[in-house]
PDB file of all heavy atoms in Angstrom:
ATOM      1  N   LYS A   1      72.186  85.029 107.358  1.00  0.00           N
ATOM      2  CA  LYS A   1      71.104  85.932 106.974  1.00  0.00           C
ATOM      3  C   LYS A   1      71.330  86.402 105.537  1.00  0.00           C
ATOM      4  O   LYS A   1      72.447  86.410 105.040  1.00  0.00           O
ATOM      5  CB  LYS A   1      71.047  87.152 107.903  1.00  0.00           C
ATOM      6  CG  LYS A   1      70.627  86.823 109.332  1.00  0.00           C
ATOM      7  CD  LYS A   1      70.522  88.103 110.158  1.00  0.00           C
ATOM      8  CE  LYS A   1      70.060  87.803 111.570  1.00  0.00           C
ATOM      9  NZ  LYS A   1      69.936  89.052 112.390  1.00  0.00           N
ATOM     10  N   ILE A   2      70.235  86.787 104.885  1.00  0.00           N
ATOM     11  CA  ILE A   2      70.358  87.393 103.566  1.00  0.00           C
ATOM     12  C   ILE A   2      70.748  88.847 103.763  1.00  0.00           C
ATOM     13  O   ILE A   2      70.045  89.612 104.411  1.00  0.00           O
ATOM     14  CB  ILE A   2      69.029  87.294 102.780  1.00  0.00           C
ATOM     15  CG1 ILE A   2      68.678  85.824 102.505  1.00  0.00           C
ATOM     16  CG2 ILE A   2      69.133  88.067 101.470  1.00  0.00           C
ATOM     17  CD1 ILE A   2      67.331  85.646 101.826  1.00  0.00           C
ATOM     18  N   ARG A   3      71.896  89.187 103.223  1.00  0.00           N
ATOM     19  CA  ARG A   3      72.392  90.550 103.364  1.00  0.00           C
ATOM     20  C   ARG A   3      73.204  90.877 102.124  1.00  0.00           C
ATOM     21  O   ARG A   3      74.091  90.123 101.745  1.00  0.00           O
ATOM     22  CB  ARG A   3      73.252  90.679 104.623  1.00  0.00           C
ATOM     23  CG  ARG A   3      73.682  92.090 104.939  1.00  0.00           C
ATOM     24  CD  ARG A   3      74.551  92.146 106.195  1.00  0.00           C
ATOM     25  NE  ARG A   3      73.785  91.893 107.415  1.00  0.00           N
ATOM     26  CZ  ARG A   3      73.889  90.798 108.153  1.00  0.00           C
ATOM     27  NH1 ARG A   3      74.725  89.831 107.783  1.00  0.00           N
ATOM     28  NH2 ARG A   3      73.170  90.651 109.247  1.00  0.00           N
ATOM     29  N   MET A   4      72.913  92.011 101.478  1.00  0.00           N
ATOM     30  CA  MET A   4      73.543  92.345 100.204  1.00  0.00           C
ATOM     31  C   MET A   4      74.827  93.138 100.425  1.00  0.00           C
ATOM     32  O   MET A   4      74.966  94.283  99.992  1.00  0.00           O
ATOM     33  CB  MET A   4      72.561  93.111  99.316  1.00  0.00           C
ATOM     34  CG  MET A   4      71.376  92.264  98.859  1.00  0.00           C
ATOM     35  SD  MET A   4      70.275  91.684 100.187  1.00  0.00           S
ATOM     36  CE  MET A   4      69.523  93.208 100.724  1.00  0.00           C
ATOM     37  N   ASP A   5      75.783  92.499 101.099  1.00  0.00           N
ATOM     38  CA  ASP A   5      77.030  93.151 101.449  1.00  0.00           C
ATOM     39  C   ASP A   5      78.129  92.716 100.478  1.00  0.00           C
ATOM     40  O   ASP A   5      78.635  91.594 100.570  1.00  0.00           O
ATOM     41  CB  ASP A   5      77.417  92.784 102.876  1.00  0.00           C
ATOM     42  CG  ASP A   5      78.682  93.488 103.341  1.00  0.00           C
ATOM     43  OD1 ASP A   5      79.296  94.215 102.522  1.00  0.00           O
ATOM     44  OD2 ASP A   5      79.069  93.306 104.506  1.00  0.00           O
ATOM     45  N   PRO A   6      78.533  93.587  99.546  1.00  0.00           N
ATOM     46  CA  PRO A   6      79.524  93.182  98.541  1.00  0.00           C
ATOM     47  C   PRO A   6      80.935  93.031  99.088  1.00  0.00           C
ATOM     48  O   PRO A   6      81.833  92.602  98.365  1.00  0.00           O
ATOM     49  CB  PRO A   6      79.447  94.310  97.504  1.00  0.00           C
ATOM     50  CG  PRO A   6      78.974  95.495  98.268  1.00  0.00           C
ATOM     51  CD  PRO A   6      78.040  94.962  99.314  1.00  0.00           C
ATOM     52  N   SER A   7      81.151  93.377 100.367  1.00  0.00           N
ATOM     53  CA  SER A   7      82.462  93.166 100.970  1.00  0.00           C
ATOM     54  C   SER A   7      82.552  91.815 101.673  1.00  0.00           C
ATOM     55  O   SER A   7      83.618  91.447 102.178  1.00  0.00           O
ATOM     56  CB  SER A   7      82.777  94.289 101.966  1.00  0.00           C
ATOM     57  OG  SER A   7      81.908  94.218 103.093  1.00  0.00           O
ATOM     58  N   SER A   8      81.447  91.068 101.709  1.00  0.00           N
ATOM     59  CA  SER A   8      81.394  89.787 102.411  1.00  0.00           C
ATOM     60  C   SER A   8      81.645  88.626 101.457  1.00  0.00           C
ATOM     61  O   SER A   8      80.906  88.450 100.482  1.00  0.00           O
ATOM     62  CB  SER A   8      80.026  89.612 103.078  1.00  0.00           C
ATOM     63  OG  SER A   8      79.832  88.269 103.467  1.00  0.00           O
ATOM     64  N   PRO A   9      82.658  87.810 101.701  1.00  0.00           N
ATOM     65  CA  PRO A   9      82.897  86.636 100.851  1.00  0.00           C
ATOM     66  C   PRO A   9      81.699  85.694 100.805  1.00  0.00           C
ATOM     67  O   PRO A   9      81.450  85.049  99.774  1.00  0.00           O
ATOM     68  CB  PRO A   9      84.101  85.963 101.510  1.00  0.00           C
ATOM     69  CG  PRO A   9      84.782  87.054 102.273  1.00  0.00           C
ATOM     70  CD  PRO A   9      83.683  87.943 102.757  1.00  0.00           C
ATOM     71  N   SER A  10      80.949  85.617 101.888  1.00  0.00           N
ATOM     72  CA  SER A  10      79.783  84.723 101.922  1.00  0.00           C
ATOM     73  C   SER A  10      78.656  85.257 101.047  1.00  0.00           C
ATOM     74  O   SER A  10      78.046  84.522 100.267  1.00  0.00           O
ATOM     75  CB  SER A  10      79.298  84.537 103.364  1.00  0.00           C
ATOM     76  OG  SER A  10      80.281  83.930 104.164  1.00  0.00           O
ATOM     77  N   ALA A  11      78.353  86.558 101.180  1.00  0.00           N
ATOM     78  CA  ALA A  11      77.291  87.159 100.377  1.00  0.00           C
ATOM     79  C   ALA A  11      77.668  87.217  98.896  1.00  0.00           C
ATOM     80  O   ALA A  11      76.792  87.207  98.018  1.00  0.00           O
ATOM     81  CB  ALA A  11      76.974  88.565 100.886  1.00  0.00           C
ATOM     82  N   MET A  12      78.954  87.256  98.608  1.00  0.00           N
ATOM     83  CA  MET A  12      79.444  87.348  97.234  1.00  0.00           C
ATOM     84  C   MET A  12      79.886  85.992  96.687  1.00  0.00           C
ATOM     85  O   MET A  12      80.535  85.920  95.637  1.00  0.00           O
ATOM     86  CB  MET A  12      80.612  88.331  97.176  1.00  0.00           C
ATOM     87  CG  MET A  12      80.242  89.777  97.409  1.00  0.00           C
ATOM     88  SD  MET A  12      79.610  90.580  95.924  1.00  0.00           S
ATOM     89  CE  MET A  12      81.150  90.912  95.063  1.00  0.00           C
ATOM     90  N   ALA A  13      79.521  84.903  97.347  1.00  0.00           N
ATOM     91  CA  ALA A  13      80.023  83.577  96.966  1.00  0.00           C
ATOM     92  C   ALA A  13      79.678  83.213  95.527  1.00  0.00           C
ATOM     93  O   ALA A  13      80.488  82.607  94.812  1.00  0.00           O
ATOM     94  CB  ALA A  13      79.478  82.517  97.924  1.00  0.00           C
ATOM     95  N   SER A  14      78.473  83.563  95.075  1.00  0.00           N
ATOM     96  CA  SER A  14      78.080  83.203  93.707  1.00  0.00           C
ATOM     97  C   SER A  14      78.912  83.951  92.676  1.00  0.00           C
ATOM     98  O   SER A  14      79.176  83.440  91.580  1.00  0.00           O
ATOM     99  CB  SER A  14      76.589  83.485  93.482  1.00  0.00           C
ATOM    100  OG  SER A  14      76.301  84.868  93.633  1.00  0.00           O
ATOM    101  N   LEU A  15      79.335  85.160  93.015  1.00  0.00           N
ATOM    102  CA  LEU A  15      80.159  85.942  92.100  1.00  0.00           C
ATOM    103  C   LEU A  15      81.600  85.421  92.102  1.00  0.00           C
ATOM    104  O   LEU A  15      82.237  85.328  91.053  1.00  0.00           O
ATOM    105  CB  LEU A  15      80.120  87.419  92.504  1.00  0.00           C
ATOM    106  CG  LEU A  15      80.286  88.453  91.388  1.00  0.00           C
ATOM    107  CD1 LEU A  15      79.217  88.262  90.325  1.00  0.00           C
ATOM    108  CD2 LEU A  15      80.233  89.864  91.940  1.00  0.00           C
ATOM    109  N   VAL A  16      82.101  85.074  93.269  1.00  0.00           N
ATOM    110  CA  VAL A  16      83.451  84.514  93.366  1.00  0.00           C
ATOM    111  C   VAL A  16      83.546  83.214  92.572  1.00  0.00           C
ATOM    112  O   VAL A  16      84.563  82.929  91.932  1.00  0.00           O
ATOM    113  CB  VAL A  16      83.841  84.290  94.846  1.00  0.00           C
ATOM    114  CG1 VAL A  16      85.174  83.562  94.947  1.00  0.00           C
ATOM    115  CG2 VAL A  16      83.906  85.616  95.596  1.00  0.00           C
ATOM    116  N   ALA A  17      82.457  82.440  92.569  1.00  0.00           N
ATOM    117  CA  ALA A  17      82.448  81.166  91.851  1.00  0.00           C
ATOM    118  C   ALA A  17      82.577  81.359  90.345  1.00  0.00           C
ATOM    119  O   ALA A  17      82.965  80.427  89.626  1.00  0.00           O
ATOM    120  CB  ALA A  17      81.165  80.398  92.178  1.00  0.00           C
ATOM    121  N   ARG A  18      82.273  82.558  89.841  1.00  0.00           N
ATOM    122  CA  ARG A  18      82.335  82.824  88.406  1.00  0.00           C
ATOM    123  C   ARG A  18      83.558  83.654  88.022  1.00  0.00           C
ATOM    124  O   ARG A  18      83.636  84.194  86.914  1.00  0.00           O
ATOM    125  CB  ARG A  18      81.056  83.556  87.967  1.00  0.00           C
ATOM    126  CG  ARG A  18      79.769  82.790  88.241  1.00  0.00           C
ATOM    127  CD  ARG A  18      78.561  83.471  87.662  1.00  0.00           C
ATOM    128  NE  ARG A  18      78.638  83.553  86.199  1.00  0.00           N
ATOM    129  CZ  ARG A  18      77.648  84.037  85.438  1.00  0.00           C
ATOM    130  NH1 ARG A  18      76.537  84.471  85.997  1.00  0.00           N
ATOM    131  NH2 ARG A  18      77.788  84.101  84.133  1.00  0.00           N
ATOM    132  N   ARG A  19      84.530  83.755  88.885  1.00  0.00           N
ATOM    133  CA  ARG A  19      85.633  84.674  88.659  1.00  0.00           C
ATOM    134  C   ARG A  19      86.485  84.320  87.445  1.00  0.00           C
ATOM    135  O   ARG A  19      87.132  85.202  86.863  1.00  0.00           O
ATOM    136  CB  ARG A  19      86.518  84.745  89.907  1.00  0.00           C
ATOM    137  CG  ARG A  19      87.238  83.454  90.271  1.00  0.00           C
ATOM    138  CD  ARG A  19      87.883  83.612  91.627  1.00  0.00           C
ATOM    139  NE  ARG A  19      88.830  82.539  91.920  1.00  0.00           N
ATOM    140  CZ  ARG A  19      89.503  82.445  93.052  1.00  0.00           C
ATOM    141  NH1 ARG A  19      89.318  83.355  93.992  1.00  0.00           N
ATOM    142  NH2 ARG A  19      90.340  81.470  93.250  1.00  0.00           N
ATOM    143  N   ALA A  20      86.481  83.069  87.029  1.00  0.00           N
ATOM    144  CA  ALA A  20      87.282  82.676  85.860  1.00  0.00           C
ATOM    145  C   ALA A  20      86.629  83.103  84.543  1.00  0.00           C
ATOM    146  O   ALA A  20      87.279  83.075  83.490  1.00  0.00           O
ATOM    147  CB  ALA A  20      87.510  81.171  85.860  1.00  0.00           C
ATOM    148  N   GLU A  21      85.364  83.514  84.593  1.00  0.00           N
ATOM    149  CA  GLU A  21      84.641  83.854  83.361  1.00  0.00           C
ATOM    150  C   GLU A  21      84.906  85.292  82.901  1.00  0.00           C
ATOM    151  O   GLU A  21      84.585  85.641  81.758  1.00  0.00           O
ATOM    152  CB  GLU A  21      83.132  83.676  83.572  1.00  0.00           C
ATOM    153  CG  GLU A  21      82.705  82.264  83.943  1.00  0.00           C
ATOM    154  CD  GLU A  21      81.210  82.186  84.215  1.00  0.00           C
ATOM    155  OE1 GLU A  21      80.449  82.947  83.588  1.00  0.00           O
ATOM    156  OE2 GLU A  21      80.820  81.376  85.081  1.00  0.00           O
ATOM    157  N   PHE A  22      85.468  86.130  83.768  1.00  0.00           N
ATOM    158  CA  PHE A  22      85.638  87.544  83.451  1.00  0.00           C
ATOM    159  C   PHE A  22      87.026  88.019  83.881  1.00  0.00           C
ATOM    160  O   PHE A  22      87.685  87.394  84.712  1.00  0.00           O
ATOM    161  CB  PHE A  22      84.568  88.388  84.158  1.00  0.00           C
ATOM    162  CG  PHE A  22      83.153  88.040  83.779  1.00  0.00           C
ATOM    163  CD1 PHE A  22      82.433  87.075  84.486  1.00  0.00           C
ATOM    164  CD2 PHE A  22      82.537  88.664  82.710  1.00  0.00           C
ATOM    165  CE1 PHE A  22      81.131  86.747  84.135  1.00  0.00           C
ATOM    166  CE2 PHE A  22      81.240  88.352  82.343  1.00  0.00           C
ATOM    167  CZ  PHE A  22      80.534  87.384  83.056  1.00  0.00           C
ATOM    168  N   ASP A  23      87.448  89.148  83.315  1.00  0.00           N
ATOM    169  CA  ASP A  23      88.691  89.761  83.763  1.00  0.00           C
ATOM    170  C   ASP A  23      88.503  90.446  85.111  1.00  0.00           C
ATOM    171  O   ASP A  23      89.431  90.528  85.916  1.00  0.00           O
ATOM    172  CB  ASP A  23      89.172  90.795  82.731  1.00  0.00           C
ATOM    173  CG  ASP A  23      89.500  90.163  81.387  1.00  0.00           C
ATOM    174  OD1 ASP A  23      90.093  89.062  81.380  1.00  0.00           O
ATOM    175  OD2 ASP A  23      89.140  90.747  80.350  1.00  0.00           O
ATOM    176  N   ILE A  24      87.294  90.956  85.335  1.00  0.00           N
ATOM    177  CA  ILE A  24      86.968  91.605  86.596  1.00  0.00           C
ATOM    178  C   ILE A  24      85.460  91.558  86.791  1.00  0.00           C
ATOM    179  O   ILE A  24      84.702  91.646  85.822  1.00  0.00           O
ATOM    180  CB  ILE A  24      87.479  93.066  86.622  1.00  0.00           C
ATOM    181  CG1 ILE A  24      87.332  93.674  88.025  1.00  0.00           C
ATOM    182  CG2 ILE A  24      86.767  93.914  85.577  1.00  0.00           C
ATOM    183  CD1 ILE A  24      88.036  95.022  88.172  1.00  0.00           C
ATOM    184  N   LEU A  25      85.046  91.351  88.018  1.00  0.00           N
ATOM    185  CA  LEU A  25      83.627  91.382  88.357  1.00  0.00           C
ATOM    186  C   LEU A  25      83.422  92.382  89.482  1.00  0.00           C
ATOM    187  O   LEU A  25      84.321  92.628  90.288  1.00  0.00           O
ATOM    188  CB  LEU A  25      83.114  90.014  88.816  1.00  0.00           C
ATOM    189  CG  LEU A  25      83.132  88.878  87.810  1.00  0.00           C
ATOM    190  CD1 LEU A  25      84.321  87.970  88.079  1.00  0.00           C
ATOM    191  CD2 LEU A  25      81.837  88.064  87.886  1.00  0.00           C
ATOM    192  N   THR A  26      82.221  92.940  89.529  1.00  0.00           N
ATOM    193  CA  THR A  26      81.905  93.874  90.610  1.00  0.00           C
ATOM    194  C   THR A  26      80.492  93.611  91.122  1.00  0.00           C
ATOM    195  O   THR A  26      79.625  93.162  90.371  1.00  0.00           O
ATOM    196  CB  THR A  26      82.039  95.332  90.144  1.00  0.00           C
ATOM    197  OG1 THR A  26      81.798  96.212  91.259  1.00  0.00           O
ATOM    198  CG2 THR A  26      81.053  95.662  89.037  1.00  0.00           C
ATOM    199  N   GLY A  27      80.309  93.835  92.386  1.00  0.00           N
ATOM    200  CA  GLY A  27      78.980  93.718  92.996  1.00  0.00           C
ATOM    201  C   GLY A  27      78.670  94.984  93.761  1.00  0.00           C
ATOM    202  O   GLY A  27      79.572  95.687  94.235  1.00  0.00           O
ATOM    203  N   ASN A  28      77.385  95.315  93.873  1.00  0.00           N
ATOM    204  CA  ASN A  28      76.952  96.504  94.614  1.00  0.00           C
ATOM    205  C   ASN A  28      75.894  96.125  95.639  1.00  0.00           C
ATOM    206  O   ASN A  28      75.176  95.145  95.454  1.00  0.00           O
ATOM    207  CB  ASN A  28      76.342  97.554  93.676  1.00  0.00           C
ATOM    208  CG  ASN A  28      77.330  98.108  92.684  1.00  0.00           C
ATOM    209  OD1 ASN A  28      77.223  97.861  91.494  1.00  0.00           O
ATOM    210  ND2 ASN A  28      78.301  98.857  93.163  1.00  0.00           N
ATOM    211  N   ASP A  29      75.786  96.917  96.700  1.00  0.00           N
ATOM    212  CA  ASP A  29      74.682  96.724  97.626  1.00  0.00           C
ATOM    213  C   ASP A  29      73.415  97.320  97.018  1.00  0.00           C
ATOM    214  O   ASP A  29      73.407  97.785  95.879  1.00  0.00           O
ATOM    215  CB  ASP A  29      75.002  97.317  98.992  1.00  0.00           C
ATOM    216  CG  ASP A  29      75.130  98.832  98.964  1.00  0.00           C
ATOM    217  OD1 ASP A  29      75.334  99.390  97.871  1.00  0.00           O
ATOM    218  OD2 ASP A  29      75.037  99.458 100.038  1.00  0.00           O
ATOM    219  N   ALA A  30      72.312  97.305  97.777  1.00  0.00           N
ATOM    220  CA  ALA A  30      70.999  97.623  97.201  1.00  0.00           C
ATOM    221  C   ALA A  30      70.886  99.049  96.683  1.00  0.00           C
ATOM    222  O   ALA A  30      70.147  99.307  95.733  1.00  0.00           O
ATOM    223  CB  ALA A  30      69.902  97.357  98.230  1.00  0.00           C
ATOM    224  N   ASP A  31      71.609 100.002  97.279  1.00  0.00           N
ATOM    225  CA  ASP A  31      71.546 101.383  96.768  1.00  0.00           C
ATOM    226  C   ASP A  31      72.839 101.790  96.079  1.00  0.00           C
ATOM    227  O   ASP A  31      73.020 102.958  95.740  1.00  0.00           O
ATOM    228  CB  ASP A  31      71.181 102.365  97.879  1.00  0.00           C
ATOM    229  CG  ASP A  31      72.290 102.516  98.920  1.00  0.00           C
ATOM    230  OD1 ASP A  31      72.880 101.491  99.296  1.00  0.00           O
ATOM    231  OD2 ASP A  31      72.561 103.649  99.362  1.00  0.00           O
ATOM    232  N   ALA A  32      73.736 100.833  95.879  1.00  0.00           N
ATOM    233  CA  ALA A  32      74.948 101.000  95.061  1.00  0.00           C
ATOM    234  C   ALA A  32      75.933 102.029  95.594  1.00  0.00           C
ATOM    235  O   ALA A  32      76.672 102.637  94.830  1.00  0.00           O
ATOM    236  CB  ALA A  32      74.571 101.327  93.616  1.00  0.00           C
TER     237      ALA A  32
END
């Protein structure tokens, strides 16, 4: 399912894929 859960490796997969581009990345849910 589409779910904006920043604690989920599956929902955050696109961000994890870019981890080498930054020193640190962060994601937030819909109301942060």
